[in-house]
Amino acid sequence: MSRRAVIALAIDIVLVVVFVAIGRRNHHEDEGLSGLVSVSGPFLIGLGVGWAATWRKHAPMALTTGAGLWICTVVIGMVLRRTVFDRGIATAFIIVATITLGVFLVGWRAIAGAVSREK
C-alpha cells in the first residue's frame, strides 16, 4: 500500500470515529472507549470492506473513491448495526449518518484536491 493510501485510510478511520464520537456526545452516551468501539465497529467494517473492494485499482484521493467508500460505509454499517450489533437504525439516524459521512469521506478529498491544484 502506498504512503498516500495509508494516509487516506488513516484519515477515513479518524473521520468515522469522529462521526461516532460526535453522535454519542450529542446523545449523552458515555460508555467510555468500549462504547465508542462498539458503535463505530459496523461503520469501520463497512469502510474496511470498501477499501478492500477497491485496493488494487485504488486512487485513494479521488472523489470517486470517496463516494464508493461513503456508500460502503453507510450501507454495510447500517446493515451490521441492525443485524450483528443489535442497535437501532431510525430514519433520522440514517439521514444524518449518510449526510455526515458523505461530507467527511468525500469532502476531505475535495478539499485536498482543490489545495493540490492550487500549488
PDB file of N, CA and C in Angstrom:
ATOM      1  N   MET A   1       0.851  -1.170   0.000  1.00  0.00           N
ATOM      2  CA  MET A   1       0.000   0.000   0.000  1.00  0.00           C
ATOM      3  C   MET A   1       0.896   1.232   0.000  1.00  0.00           C
ATOM      4  N   SER A   2       0.554   2.188  -0.837  1.00  0.00           N
ATOM      5  CA  SER A   2       1.358   3.395  -0.953  1.00  0.00           C
ATOM      6  C   SER A   2       1.212   4.278   0.290  1.00  0.00           C
ATOM      7  N   ARG A   3       2.136   5.197   0.414  1.00  0.00           N
ATOM      8  CA  ARG A   3       2.091   6.145   1.539  1.00  0.00           C
ATOM      9  C   ARG A   3       0.809   6.967   1.496  1.00  0.00           C
ATOM     10  N   ARG A   4       0.421   7.404   0.301  1.00  0.00           N
ATOM     11  CA  ARG A   4      -0.820   8.184   0.152  1.00  0.00           C
ATOM     12  C   ARG A   4      -2.038   7.369   0.577  1.00  0.00           C
ATOM     13  N   ALA A   5      -2.044   6.093   0.235  1.00  0.00           N
ATOM     14  CA  ALA A   5      -3.175   5.236   0.614  1.00  0.00           C
ATOM     15  C   ALA A   5      -3.243   5.053   2.121  1.00  0.00           C
ATOM     16  N   VAL A   6      -2.095   4.874   2.757  1.00  0.00           N
ATOM     17  CA  VAL A   6      -2.064   4.716   4.217  1.00  0.00           C
ATOM     18  C   VAL A   6      -2.579   5.990   4.894  1.00  0.00           C
ATOM     19  N   ILE A   7      -2.152   7.128   4.398  1.00  0.00           N
ATOM     20  CA  ILE A   7      -2.615   8.404   4.964  1.00  0.00           C
ATOM     21  C   ILE A   7      -4.118   8.565   4.745  1.00  0.00           C
ATOM     22  N   ALA A   8      -4.591   8.256   3.544  1.00  0.00           N
ATOM     23  CA  ALA A   8      -6.022   8.374   3.249  1.00  0.00           C
ATOM     24  C   ALA A   8      -6.835   7.435   4.132  1.00  0.00           C
ATOM     25  N   LEU A   9      -6.368   6.207   4.299  1.00  0.00           N
ATOM     26  CA  LEU A   9      -7.062   5.252   5.163  1.00  0.00           C
ATOM     27  C   LEU A   9      -7.107   5.759   6.601  1.00  0.00           C
ATOM     28  N   ALA A  10      -6.004   6.280   7.085  1.00  0.00           N
ATOM     29  CA  ALA A  10      -5.962   6.807   8.456  1.00  0.00           C
ATOM     30  C   ALA A  10      -6.942   7.967   8.622  1.00  0.00           C
ATOM     31  N   ILE A  11      -6.988   8.861   7.649  1.00  0.00           N
ATOM     32  CA  ILE A  11      -7.928   9.980   7.718  1.00  0.00           C
ATOM     33  C   ILE A  11      -9.364   9.464   7.728  1.00  0.00           C
ATOM     34  N   ASP A  12      -9.661   8.490   6.874  1.00  0.00           N
ATOM     35  CA  ASP A  12     -11.008   7.918   6.820  1.00  0.00           C
ATOM     36  C   ASP A  12     -11.402   7.298   8.158  1.00  0.00           C
ATOM     37  N   ILE A  13     -10.497   6.546   8.759  1.00  0.00           N
ATOM     38  CA  ILE A  13     -10.784   5.914  10.050  1.00  0.00           C
ATOM     39  C   ILE A  13     -11.051   6.971  11.116  1.00  0.00           C
ATOM     40  N   VAL A  14     -10.190   7.966  11.172  1.00  0.00           N
ATOM     41  CA  VAL A  14     -10.367   9.035  12.157  1.00  0.00           C
ATOM     42  C   VAL A  14     -11.712   9.725  11.965  1.00  0.00           C
ATOM     43  N   LEU A  15     -12.085  10.006  10.729  1.00  0.00           N
ATOM     44  CA  LEU A  15     -13.344  10.707  10.479  1.00  0.00           C
ATOM     45  C   LEU A  15     -14.562   9.865  10.834  1.00  0.00           C
ATOM     46  N   VAL A  16     -14.498   8.557  10.613  1.00  0.00           N
ATOM     47  CA  VAL A  16     -15.608   7.687  11.023  1.00  0.00           C
ATOM     48  C   VAL A  16     -15.721   7.684  12.548  1.00  0.00           C
ATOM     49  N   VAL A  17     -14.607   7.600  13.237  1.00  0.00           N
ATOM     50  CA  VAL A  17     -14.628   7.620  14.705  1.00  0.00           C
ATOM     51  C   VAL A  17     -15.110   8.983  15.211  1.00  0.00           C
ATOM     52  N   VAL A  18     -14.709  10.062  14.561  1.00  0.00           N
ATOM     53  CA  VAL A  18     -15.181  11.399  14.940  1.00  0.00           C
ATOM     54  C   VAL A  18     -16.695  11.486  14.763  1.00  0.00           C
ATOM     55  N   PHE A  19     -17.212  10.971  13.664  1.00  0.00           N
ATOM     56  CA  PHE A  19     -18.662  10.941  13.438  1.00  0.00           C
ATOM     57  C   PHE A  19     -19.380  10.242  14.592  1.00  0.00           C
ATOM     58  N   VAL A  20     -18.881   9.101  14.986  1.00  0.00           N
ATOM     59  CA  VAL A  20     -19.496   8.345  16.093  1.00  0.00           C
ATOM     60  C   VAL A  20     -19.355   9.110  17.410  1.00  0.00           C
ATOM     61  N   ALA A  21     -18.186   9.652  17.663  1.00  0.00           N
ATOM     62  CA  ALA A  21     -17.962  10.388  18.917  1.00  0.00           C
ATOM     63  C   ALA A  21     -18.892  11.593  19.026  1.00  0.00           C
ATOM     64  N   ILE A  22     -19.083  12.305  17.925  1.00  0.00           N
ATOM     65  CA  ILE A  22     -19.996  13.452  17.935  1.00  0.00           C
ATOM     66  C   ILE A  22     -21.415  12.988  18.250  1.00  0.00           C
ATOM     67  N   GLY A  23     -21.844  11.936  17.599  1.00  0.00           N
ATOM     68  CA  GLY A  23     -23.186  11.407  17.837  1.00  0.00           C
ATOM     69  C   GLY A  23     -23.386  10.946  19.266  1.00  0.00           C
ATOM     70  N   ARG A  24     -22.412  10.255  19.792  1.00  0.00           N
ATOM     71  CA  ARG A  24     -22.513   9.770  21.169  1.00  0.00           C
ATOM     72  C   ARG A  24     -22.550  10.943  22.151  1.00  0.00           C
ATOM     73  N   ARG A  25     -21.770  11.947  21.864  1.00  0.00           N
ATOM     74  CA  ARG A  25     -21.762  13.114  22.755  1.00  0.00           C
ATOM     75  C   ARG A  25     -23.089  13.859  22.690  1.00  0.00           C
ATOM     76  N   ASN A  26     -23.633  14.008  21.495  1.00  0.00           N
ATOM     77  CA  ASN A  26     -24.921  14.694  21.335  1.00  0.00           C
ATOM     78  C   ASN A  26     -26.065  13.950  22.008  1.00  0.00           C
ATOM     79  N   HIS A  27     -25.925  12.647  22.137  1.00  0.00           N
ATOM     80  CA  HIS A  27     -26.964  11.836  22.781  1.00  0.00           C
ATOM     81  C   HIS A  27     -26.603  11.487  24.226  1.00  0.00           C
ATOM     82  N   HIS A  28     -25.583  12.122  24.734  1.00  0.00           N
ATOM     83  CA  HIS A  28     -25.153  11.958  26.131  1.00  0.00           C
ATOM     84  C   HIS A  28     -24.886  10.493  26.486  1.00  0.00           C
ATOM     85  N   GLU A  29     -24.284   9.779  25.546  1.00  0.00           N
ATOM     86  CA  GLU A  29     -23.898   8.388  25.790  1.00  0.00           C
ATOM     87  C   GLU A  29     -22.439   8.371  26.215  1.00  0.00           C
ATOM     88  N   ASP A  30     -22.171   7.799  27.366  1.00  0.00           N
ATOM     89  CA  ASP A  30     -20.798   7.763  27.841  1.00  0.00           C
ATOM     90  C   ASP A  30     -20.491   6.392  28.423  1.00  0.00           C
ATOM     91  N   GLU A  31     -20.119   5.499  27.538  1.00  0.00           N
ATOM     92  CA  GLU A  31     -19.697   4.168  27.970  1.00  0.00           C
ATOM     93  C   GLU A  31     -18.189   4.025  27.800  1.00  0.00           C
ATOM     94  N   GLY A  32     -17.512   5.134  27.660  1.00  0.00           N
ATOM     95  CA  GLY A  32     -16.070   5.122  27.505  1.00  0.00           C
ATOM     96  C   GLY A  32     -15.641   4.581  26.159  1.00  0.00           C
ATOM     97  N   LEU A  33     -14.431   4.067  26.138  1.00  0.00           N
ATOM     98  CA  LEU A  33     -13.832   3.566  24.905  1.00  0.00           C
ATOM     99  C   LEU A  33     -14.605   2.378  24.343  1.00  0.00           C
ATOM    100  N   SER A  34     -15.096   1.501  25.201  1.00  0.00           N
ATOM    101  CA  SER A  34     -15.824   0.322  24.711  1.00  0.00           C
ATOM    102  C   SER A  34     -17.093   0.732  23.973  1.00  0.00           C
ATOM    103  N   GLY A  35     -17.783   1.757  24.448  1.00  0.00           N
ATOM    104  CA  GLY A  35     -18.965   2.249  23.760  1.00  0.00           C
ATOM    105  C   GLY A  35     -18.623   2.842  22.405  1.00  0.00           C
ATOM    106  N   LEU A  36     -17.537   3.592  22.360  1.00  0.00           N
ATOM    107  CA  LEU A  36     -17.087   4.185  21.105  1.00  0.00           C
ATOM    108  C   LEU A  36     -16.734   3.098  20.093  1.00  0.00           C
ATOM    109  N   VAL A  37     -16.057   2.072  20.559  1.00  0.00           N
ATOM    110  CA  VAL A  37     -15.660   0.973  19.675  1.00  0.00           C
ATOM    111  C   VAL A  37     -16.882   0.199  19.183  1.00  0.00           C
ATOM    112  N   SER A  38     -17.824  -0.092  20.076  1.00  0.00           N
ATOM    113  CA  SER A  38     -18.980  -0.889  19.665  1.00  0.00           C
ATOM    114  C   SER A  38     -19.885  -0.135  18.701  1.00  0.00           C
ATOM    115  N   VAL A  39     -19.972   1.179  18.842  1.00  0.00           N
ATOM    116  CA  VAL A  39     -20.819   1.957  17.932  1.00  0.00           C
ATOM    117  C   VAL A  39     -20.104   2.218  16.606  1.00  0.00           C
ATOM    118  N   SER A  40     -18.805   2.445  16.645  1.00  0.00           N
ATOM    119  CA  SER A  40     -18.082   2.705  15.398  1.00  0.00           C
ATOM    120  C   SER A  40     -17.770   1.417  14.639  1.00  0.00           C
ATOM    121  N   GLY A  41     -17.808   0.284  15.310  1.00  0.00           N
ATOM    122  CA  GLY A  41     -17.471  -1.005  14.697  1.00  0.00           C
ATOM    123  C   GLY A  41     -18.140  -1.279  13.365  1.00  0.00           C
ATOM    124  N   PRO A  42     -19.470  -1.208  13.279  1.00  0.00           N
ATOM    125  CA  PRO A  42     -20.101  -1.532  11.998  1.00  0.00           C
ATOM    126  C   PRO A  42     -19.696  -0.591  10.864  1.00  0.00           C
ATOM    127  N   PHE A  43     -19.478   0.668  11.183  1.00  0.00           N
ATOM    128  CA  PHE A  43     -19.088   1.629  10.145  1.00  0.00           C
ATOM    129  C   PHE A  43     -17.627   1.451   9.744  1.00  0.00           C
ATOM    130  N   LEU A  44     -16.781   1.092  10.699  1.00  0.00           N
ATOM    131  CA  LEU A  44     -15.385   0.819  10.355  1.00  0.00           C
ATOM    132  C   LEU A  44     -15.275  -0.453   9.522  1.00  0.00           C
ATOM    133  N   ILE A  45     -16.117  -1.437   9.806  1.00  0.00           N
ATOM    134  CA  ILE A  45     -16.132  -2.645   8.982  1.00  0.00           C
ATOM    135  C   ILE A  45     -16.586  -2.293   7.562  1.00  0.00           C
ATOM    136  N   GLY A  46     -17.642  -1.477   7.443  1.00  0.00           N
ATOM    137  CA  GLY A  46     -18.102  -1.041   6.130  1.00  0.00           C
ATOM    138  C   GLY A  46     -17.016  -0.292   5.372  1.00  0.00           C
ATOM    139  N   LEU A  47     -16.309   0.577   6.074  1.00  0.00           N
ATOM    140  CA  LEU A  47     -15.194   1.297   5.468  1.00  0.00           C
ATOM    141  C   LEU A  47     -14.116   0.315   5.017  1.00  0.00           C
ATOM    142  N   GLY A  48     -13.810  -0.658   5.861  1.00  0.00           N
ATOM    143  CA  GLY A  48     -12.805  -1.666   5.512  1.00  0.00           C
ATOM    144  C   GLY A  48     -13.186  -2.479   4.285  1.00  0.00           C
ATOM    145  N   VAL A  49     -14.448  -2.836   4.181  1.00  0.00           N
ATOM    146  CA  VAL A  49     -14.926  -3.567   3.003  1.00  0.00           C
ATOM    147  C   VAL A  49     -14.758  -2.700   1.759  1.00  0.00           C
ATOM    148  N   GLY A  50     -15.099  -1.426   1.884  1.00  0.00           N
ATOM    149  CA  GLY A  50     -14.921  -0.510   0.755  1.00  0.00           C
ATOM    150  C   GLY A  50     -13.470  -0.416   0.320  1.00  0.00           C
ATOM    151  N   TRP A  51     -12.585  -0.300   1.277  1.00  0.00           N
ATOM    152  CA  TRP A  51     -11.161  -0.244   0.950  1.00  0.00           C
ATOM    153  C   TRP A  51     -10.696  -1.555   0.327  1.00  0.00           C
ATOM    154  N   ALA A  52     -11.120  -2.682   0.881  1.00  0.00           N
ATOM    155  CA  ALA A  52     -10.706  -3.981   0.349  1.00  0.00           C
ATOM    156  C   ALA A  52     -11.226  -4.188  -1.075  1.00  0.00           C
ATOM    157  N   ALA A  53     -12.417  -3.705  -1.341  1.00  0.00           N
ATOM    158  CA  ALA A  53     -13.024  -3.885  -2.662  1.00  0.00           C
ATOM    159  C   ALA A  53     -12.331  -3.054  -3.734  1.00  0.00           C
ATOM    160  N   THR A  54     -11.667  -2.001  -3.349  1.00  0.00           N
ATOM    161  CA  THR A  54     -11.078  -1.100  -4.344  1.00  0.00           C
ATOM    162  C   THR A  54      -9.553  -1.017  -4.277  1.00  0.00           C
ATOM    163  N   TRP A  55      -8.917  -1.776  -3.427  1.00  0.00           N
ATOM    164  CA  TRP A  55      -7.496  -1.527  -3.171  1.00  0.00           C
ATOM    165  C   TRP A  55      -6.589  -1.750  -4.369  1.00  0.00           C
ATOM    166  N   ARG A  56      -6.882  -2.679  -5.260  1.00  0.00           N
ATOM    167  CA  ARG A  56      -5.985  -2.928  -6.393  1.00  0.00           C
ATOM    168  C   ARG A  56      -5.953  -1.766  -7.386  1.00  0.00           C
ATOM    169  N   LYS A  57      -7.074  -1.152  -7.634  1.00  0.00           N
ATOM    170  CA  LYS A  57      -7.124  -0.035  -8.576  1.00  0.00           C
ATOM    171  C   LYS A  57      -7.419   1.266  -7.847  1.00  0.00           C
ATOM    172  N   HIS A  58      -6.930   1.339  -6.643  1.00  0.00           N
ATOM    173  CA  HIS A  58      -7.289   2.408  -5.724  1.00  0.00           C
ATOM    174  C   HIS A  58      -6.550   3.703  -6.023  1.00  0.00           C
ATOM    175  N   ALA A  59      -7.329   4.743  -6.221  1.00  0.00           N
ATOM    176  CA  ALA A  59      -6.799   6.102  -6.276  1.00  0.00           C
ATOM    177  C   ALA A  59      -7.307   6.736  -4.985  1.00  0.00           C
ATOM    178  N   PRO A  60      -6.555   6.624  -3.896  1.00  0.00           N
ATOM    179  CA  PRO A  60      -7.072   6.946  -2.566  1.00  0.00           C
ATOM    180  C   PRO A  60      -7.575   8.365  -2.382  1.00  0.00           C
ATOM    181  N   MET A  61      -7.130   9.297  -3.208  1.00  0.00           N
ATOM    182  CA  MET A  61      -7.531  10.690  -3.047  1.00  0.00           C
ATOM    183  C   MET A  61      -8.656  11.092  -3.999  1.00  0.00           C
ATOM    184  N   ALA A  62      -9.073  10.195  -4.876  1.00  0.00           N
ATOM    185  CA  ALA A  62     -10.086  10.533  -5.875  1.00  0.00           C
ATOM    186  C   ALA A  62     -11.467  10.681  -5.246  1.00  0.00           C
ATOM    187  N   LEU A  63     -12.248  11.608  -5.777  1.00  0.00           N
ATOM    188  CA  LEU A  63     -13.615  11.801  -5.296  1.00  0.00           C
ATOM    189  C   LEU A  63     -14.455  10.545  -5.518  1.00  0.00           C
ATOM    190  N   THR A  64     -14.217   9.845  -6.623  1.00  0.00           N
ATOM    191  CA  THR A  64     -14.973   8.613  -6.879  1.00  0.00           C
ATOM    192  C   THR A  64     -14.649   7.546  -5.836  1.00  0.00           C
ATOM    193  N   THR A  65     -13.416   7.503  -5.391  1.00  0.00           N
ATOM    194  CA  THR A  65     -13.051   6.587  -4.313  1.00  0.00           C
ATOM    195  C   THR A  65     -13.789   6.969  -3.042  1.00  0.00           C
ATOM    196  N   GLY A  66     -13.794   8.241  -2.716  1.00  0.00           N
ATOM    197  CA  GLY A  66     -14.516   8.712  -1.537  1.00  0.00           C
ATOM    198  C   GLY A  66     -15.990   8.365  -1.611  1.00  0.00           C
ATOM    199  N   ALA A  67     -16.588   8.527  -2.789  1.00  0.00           N
ATOM    200  CA  ALA A  67     -18.010   8.213  -2.950  1.00  0.00           C
ATOM    201  C   ALA A  67     -18.271   6.728  -2.747  1.00  0.00           C
ATOM    202  N   GLY A  68     -17.413   5.884  -3.305  1.00  0.00           N
ATOM    203  CA  GLY A  68     -17.567   4.440  -3.118  1.00  0.00           C
ATOM    204  C   GLY A  68     -17.398   4.030  -1.663  1.00  0.00           C
ATOM    205  N   LEU A  69     -16.415   4.607  -1.013  1.00  0.00           N
ATOM    206  CA  LEU A  69     -16.191   4.308   0.407  1.00  0.00           C
ATOM    207  C   LEU A  69     -17.361   4.791   1.249  1.00  0.00           C
ATOM    208  N   TRP A  70     -17.899   5.942   0.909  1.00  0.00           N
ATOM    209  CA  TRP A  70     -19.060   6.508   1.601  1.00  0.00           C
ATOM    210  C   TRP A  70     -20.244   5.551   1.514  1.00  0.00           C
ATOM    211  N   ILE A  71     -20.546   5.073   0.305  1.00  0.00           N
ATOM    212  CA  ILE A  71     -21.674   4.161   0.119  1.00  0.00           C
ATOM    213  C   ILE A  71     -21.464   2.873   0.902  1.00  0.00           C
ATOM    214  N   CYS A  72     -20.276   2.283   0.793  1.00  0.00           N
ATOM    215  CA  CYS A  72     -19.985   1.047   1.540  1.00  0.00           C
ATOM    216  C   CYS A  72     -20.098   1.272   3.041  1.00  0.00           C
ATOM    217  N   THR A  73     -19.537   2.361   3.509  1.00  0.00           N
ATOM    218  CA  THR A  73     -19.537   2.644   4.942  1.00  0.00           C
ATOM    219  C   THR A  73     -20.958   2.782   5.468  1.00  0.00           C
ATOM    220  N   VAL A  74     -21.793   3.522   4.764  1.00  0.00           N
ATOM    221  CA  VAL A  74     -23.166   3.734   5.231  1.00  0.00           C
ATOM    222  C   VAL A  74     -23.996   2.456   5.103  1.00  0.00           C
ATOM    223  N   VAL A  75     -24.012   1.854   3.934  1.00  0.00           N
ATOM    224  CA  VAL A  75     -24.888   0.694   3.705  1.00  0.00           C
ATOM    225  C   VAL A  75     -24.473  -0.487   4.568  1.00  0.00           C
ATOM    226  N   ILE A  76     -23.216  -0.866   4.501  1.00  0.00           N
ATOM    227  CA  ILE A  76     -22.753  -2.015   5.294  1.00  0.00           C
ATOM    228  C   ILE A  76     -22.826  -1.684   6.777  1.00  0.00           C
ATOM    229  N   GLY A  77     -22.451  -0.464   7.132  1.00  0.00           N
ATOM    230  CA  GLY A  77     -22.520  -0.053   8.535  1.00  0.00           C
ATOM    231  C   GLY A  77     -23.925  -0.162   9.103  1.00  0.00           C
ATOM    232  N   MET A  78     -24.911   0.303   8.359  1.00  0.00           N
ATOM    233  CA  MET A  78     -26.300   0.239   8.827  1.00  0.00           C
ATOM    234  C   MET A  78     -26.797  -1.199   8.932  1.00  0.00           C
ATOM    235  N   VAL A  79     -26.478  -1.999   7.941  1.00  0.00           N
ATOM    236  CA  VAL A  79     -26.903  -3.408   7.977  1.00  0.00           C
ATOM    237  C   VAL A  79     -26.273  -4.120   9.173  1.00  0.00           C
ATOM    238  N   LEU A  80     -24.983  -3.939   9.371  1.00  0.00           N
ATOM    239  CA  LEU A  80     -24.304  -4.582  10.503  1.00  0.00           C
ATOM    240  C   LEU A  80     -24.800  -4.030  11.829  1.00  0.00           C
ATOM    241  N   ARG A  81     -25.011  -2.732  11.882  1.00  0.00           N
ATOM    242  CA  ARG A  81     -25.502  -2.114  13.118  1.00  0.00           C
ATOM    243  C   ARG A  81     -26.814  -2.760  13.541  1.00  0.00           C
ATOM    244  N   ARG A  82     -27.697  -2.999  12.591  1.00  0.00           N
ATOM    245  CA  ARG A  82     -29.008  -3.574  12.902  1.00  0.00           C
ATOM    246  C   ARG A  82     -28.948  -5.079  13.146  1.00  0.00           C
ATOM    247  N   THR A  83     -28.230  -5.812  12.308  1.00  0.00           N
ATOM    248  CA  THR A  83     -28.284  -7.273  12.360  1.00  0.00           C
ATOM    249  C   THR A  83     -27.259  -7.909  13.300  1.00  0.00           C
ATOM    250  N   VAL A  84     -26.069  -7.396  13.308  1.00  0.00           N
ATOM    251  CA  VAL A  84     -24.995  -8.018  14.100  1.00  0.00           C
ATOM    252  C   VAL A  84     -24.803  -7.311  15.438  1.00  0.00           C
ATOM    253  N   PHE A  85     -24.821  -5.987  15.413  1.00  0.00           N
ATOM    254  CA  PHE A  85     -24.555  -5.216  16.626  1.00  0.00           C
ATOM    255  C   PHE A  85     -25.821  -4.904  17.416  1.00  0.00           C
ATOM    256  N   ASP A  86     -26.973  -5.294  16.882  1.00  0.00           N
ATOM    257  CA  ASP A  86     -28.274  -5.190  17.556  1.00  0.00           C
ATOM    258  C   ASP A  86     -28.554  -3.784  18.090  1.00  0.00           C
ATOM    259  N   ARG A  87     -28.369  -2.802  17.208  1.00  0.00           N
ATOM    260  CA  ARG A  87     -28.643  -1.404  17.560  1.00  0.00           C
ATOM    261  C   ARG A  87     -29.645  -0.845  16.561  1.00  0.00           C
ATOM    262  N   GLY A  88     -30.303   0.208  16.926  1.00  0.00           N
ATOM    263  CA  GLY A  88     -31.331   0.793  16.092  1.00  0.00           C
ATOM    264  C   GLY A  88     -30.798   1.549  14.896  1.00  0.00           C
ATOM    265  N   ILE A  89     -31.658   1.687  13.897  1.00  0.00           N
ATOM    266  CA  ILE A  89     -31.325   2.481  12.712  1.00  0.00           C
ATOM    267  C   ILE A  89     -32.541   3.329  12.334  1.00  0.00           C
ATOM    268  N   ALA A  90     -32.887   4.247  13.185  1.00  0.00           N
ATOM    269  CA  ALA A  90     -34.014   5.142  12.919  1.00  0.00           C
ATOM    270  C   ALA A  90     -33.763   5.931  11.636  1.00  0.00           C
ATOM    271  N   THR A  91     -34.842   6.290  10.964  1.00  0.00           N
ATOM    272  CA  THR A  91     -34.736   7.032   9.705  1.00  0.00           C
ATOM    273  C   THR A  91     -33.900   8.300   9.860  1.00  0.00           C
ATOM    274  N   ALA A  92     -34.119   9.030  10.936  1.00  0.00           N
ATOM    275  CA  ALA A  92     -33.342  10.256  11.161  1.00  0.00           C
ATOM    276  C   ALA A  92     -31.854   9.947  11.269  1.00  0.00           C
ATOM    277  N   PHE A  93     -31.509   8.843  11.924  1.00  0.00           N
ATOM    278  CA  PHE A  93     -30.099   8.462  12.048  1.00  0.00           C
ATOM    279  C   PHE A  93     -29.517   8.107  10.684  1.00  0.00           C
ATOM    280  N   ILE A  94     -30.267   7.407   9.865  1.00  0.00           N
ATOM    281  CA  ILE A  94     -29.790   7.050   8.529  1.00  0.00           C
ATOM    282  C   ILE A  94     -29.506   8.315   7.724  1.00  0.00           C
ATOM    283  N   ILE A  95     -30.393   9.287   7.810  1.00  0.00           N
ATOM    284  CA  ILE A  95     -30.215  10.541   7.077  1.00  0.00           C
ATOM    285  C   ILE A  95     -28.983  11.292   7.576  1.00  0.00           C
ATOM    286  N   VAL A  96     -28.875  11.435   8.891  1.00  0.00           N
ATOM    287  CA  VAL A  96     -27.734  12.157   9.467  1.00  0.00           C
ATOM    288  C   VAL A  96     -26.421  11.442   9.154  1.00  0.00           C
ATOM    289  N   ALA A  97     -26.403  10.133   9.301  1.00  0.00           N
ATOM    290  CA  ALA A  97     -25.179   9.366   9.026  1.00  0.00           C
ATOM    291  C   ALA A  97     -24.788   9.475   7.559  1.00  0.00           C
ATOM    292  N   THR A  98     -25.760   9.384   6.670  1.00  0.00           N
ATOM    293  CA  THR A  98     -25.481   9.462   5.241  1.00  0.00           C
ATOM    294  C   THR A  98     -24.892  10.824   4.877  1.00  0.00           C
ATOM    295  N   ILE A  99     -25.499  11.875   5.367  1.00  0.00           N
ATOM    296  CA  ILE A  99     -25.005  13.223   5.058  1.00  0.00           C
ATOM    297  C   ILE A  99     -23.634  13.464   5.683  1.00  0.00           C
ATOM    298  N   THR A 100     -23.509  13.155   6.968  1.00  0.00           N
ATOM    299  CA  THR A 100     -22.246  13.437   7.669  1.00  0.00           C
ATOM    300  C   THR A 100     -21.093  12.629   7.091  1.00  0.00           C
ATOM    301  N   LEU A 101     -21.301  11.336   6.895  1.00  0.00           N
ATOM    302  CA  LEU A 101     -20.219  10.516   6.353  1.00  0.00           C
ATOM    303  C   LEU A 101     -19.889  10.911   4.918  1.00  0.00           C
ATOM    304  N   GLY A 102     -20.876  11.363   4.167  1.00  0.00           N
ATOM    305  CA  GLY A 102     -20.597  11.863   2.818  1.00  0.00           C
ATOM    306  C   GLY A 102     -19.728  13.105   2.845  1.00  0.00           C
ATOM    307  N   VAL A 103     -20.089  14.032   3.715  1.00  0.00           N
ATOM    308  CA  VAL A 103     -19.294  15.250   3.859  1.00  0.00           C
ATOM    309  C   VAL A 103     -17.877  14.892   4.307  1.00  0.00           C
ATOM    310  N   PHE A 104     -17.768  13.971   5.251  1.00  0.00           N
ATOM    311  CA  PHE A 104     -16.452  13.601   5.767  1.00  0.00           C
ATOM    312  C   PHE A 104     -15.625  12.847   4.724  1.00  0.00           C
ATOM    313  N   LEU A 105     -16.141  11.761   4.171  1.00  0.00           N
ATOM    314  CA  LEU A 105     -15.337  10.879   3.317  1.00  0.00           C
ATOM    315  C   LEU A 105     -15.101  11.439   1.916  1.00  0.00           C
ATOM    316  N   VAL A 106     -16.054  12.184   1.392  1.00  0.00           N
ATOM    317  CA  VAL A 106     -15.866  12.807   0.086  1.00  0.00           C
ATOM    318  C   VAL A 106     -15.290  14.211   0.257  1.00  0.00           C
ATOM    319  N   GLY A 107     -15.753  14.896   1.291  1.00  0.00           N
ATOM    320  CA  GLY A 107     -15.362  16.288   1.500  1.00  0.00           C
ATOM    321  C   GLY A 107     -13.875  16.513   1.670  1.00  0.00           C
ATOM    322  N   TRP A 108     -13.222  15.680   2.491  1.00  0.00           N
ATOM    323  CA  TRP A 108     -11.798  15.923   2.694  1.00  0.00           C
ATOM    324  C   TRP A 108     -11.022  15.691   1.408  1.00  0.00           C
ATOM    325  N   ARG A 109     -11.509  14.776   0.573  1.00  0.00           N
ATOM    326  CA  ARG A 109     -10.838  14.527  -0.704  1.00  0.00           C
ATOM    327  C   ARG A 109     -11.022  15.719  -1.645  1.00  0.00           C
ATOM    328  N   ALA A 110     -12.209  16.324  -1.617  1.00  0.00           N
ATOM    329  CA  ALA A 110     -12.450  17.511  -2.442  1.00  0.00           C
ATOM    330  C   ALA A 110     -11.543  18.654  -2.007  1.00  0.00           C
ATOM    331  N   ILE A 111     -11.410  18.840  -0.713  1.00  0.00           N
ATOM    332  CA  ILE A 111     -10.532  19.895  -0.192  1.00  0.00           C
ATOM    333  C   ILE A 111      -9.084  19.616  -0.560  1.00  0.00           C
ATOM    334  N   ALA A 112      -8.644  18.365  -0.373  1.00  0.00           N
ATOM    335  CA  ALA A 112      -7.259  18.002  -0.708  1.00  0.00           C
ATOM    336  C   ALA A 112      -6.997  18.200  -2.192  1.00  0.00           C
ATOM    337  N   GLY A 113      -7.960  17.854  -3.029  1.00  0.00           N
ATOM    338  CA  GLY A 113      -7.798  18.037  -4.468  1.00  0.00           C
ATOM    339  C   GLY A 113      -7.715  19.501  -4.845  1.00  0.00           C
ATOM    340  N   ALA A 114      -8.545  20.324  -4.232  1.00  0.00           N
ATOM    341  CA  ALA A 114      -8.527  21.754  -4.508  1.00  0.00           C
ATOM    342  C   ALA A 114      -7.208  22.383  -4.078  1.00  0.00           C
ATOM    343  N   VAL A 115      -6.727  21.989  -2.913  1.00  0.00           N
ATOM    344  CA  VAL A 115      -5.468  22.533  -2.399  1.00  0.00           C
ATOM    345  C   VAL A 115      -4.303  22.112  -3.294  1.00  0.00           C
ATOM    346  N   SER A 116      -4.281  20.843  -3.727  1.00  0.00           N
ATOM    347  CA  SER A 116      -3.165  20.378  -4.553  1.00  0.00           C
ATOM    348  C   SER A 116      -3.191  21.014  -5.945  1.00  0.00           C
ATOM    349  N   ARG A 117      -4.376  21.357  -6.454  1.00  0.00           N
ATOM    350  CA  ARG A 117      -4.458  22.030  -7.765  1.00  0.00           C
ATOM    351  C   ARG A 117      -3.984  23.478  -7.683  1.00  0.00           C
ATOM    352  N   GLU A 118      -4.088  24.078  -6.511  1.00  0.00           N
ATOM    353  CA  GLU A 118      -3.656  25.475  -6.346  1.00  0.00           C
ATOM    354  C   GLU A 118      -2.148  25.620  -6.341  1.00  0.00           C
ATOM    355  N   LYS A 119      -1.440  24.559  -6.058  1.00  0.00           N
ATOM    356  CA  LYS A 119       0.025  24.643  -5.956  1.00  0.00           C
ATOM    357  C   LYS A 119       0.680  24.675  -7.304  1.00  0.00           C
TER     358      LYS A 119
END
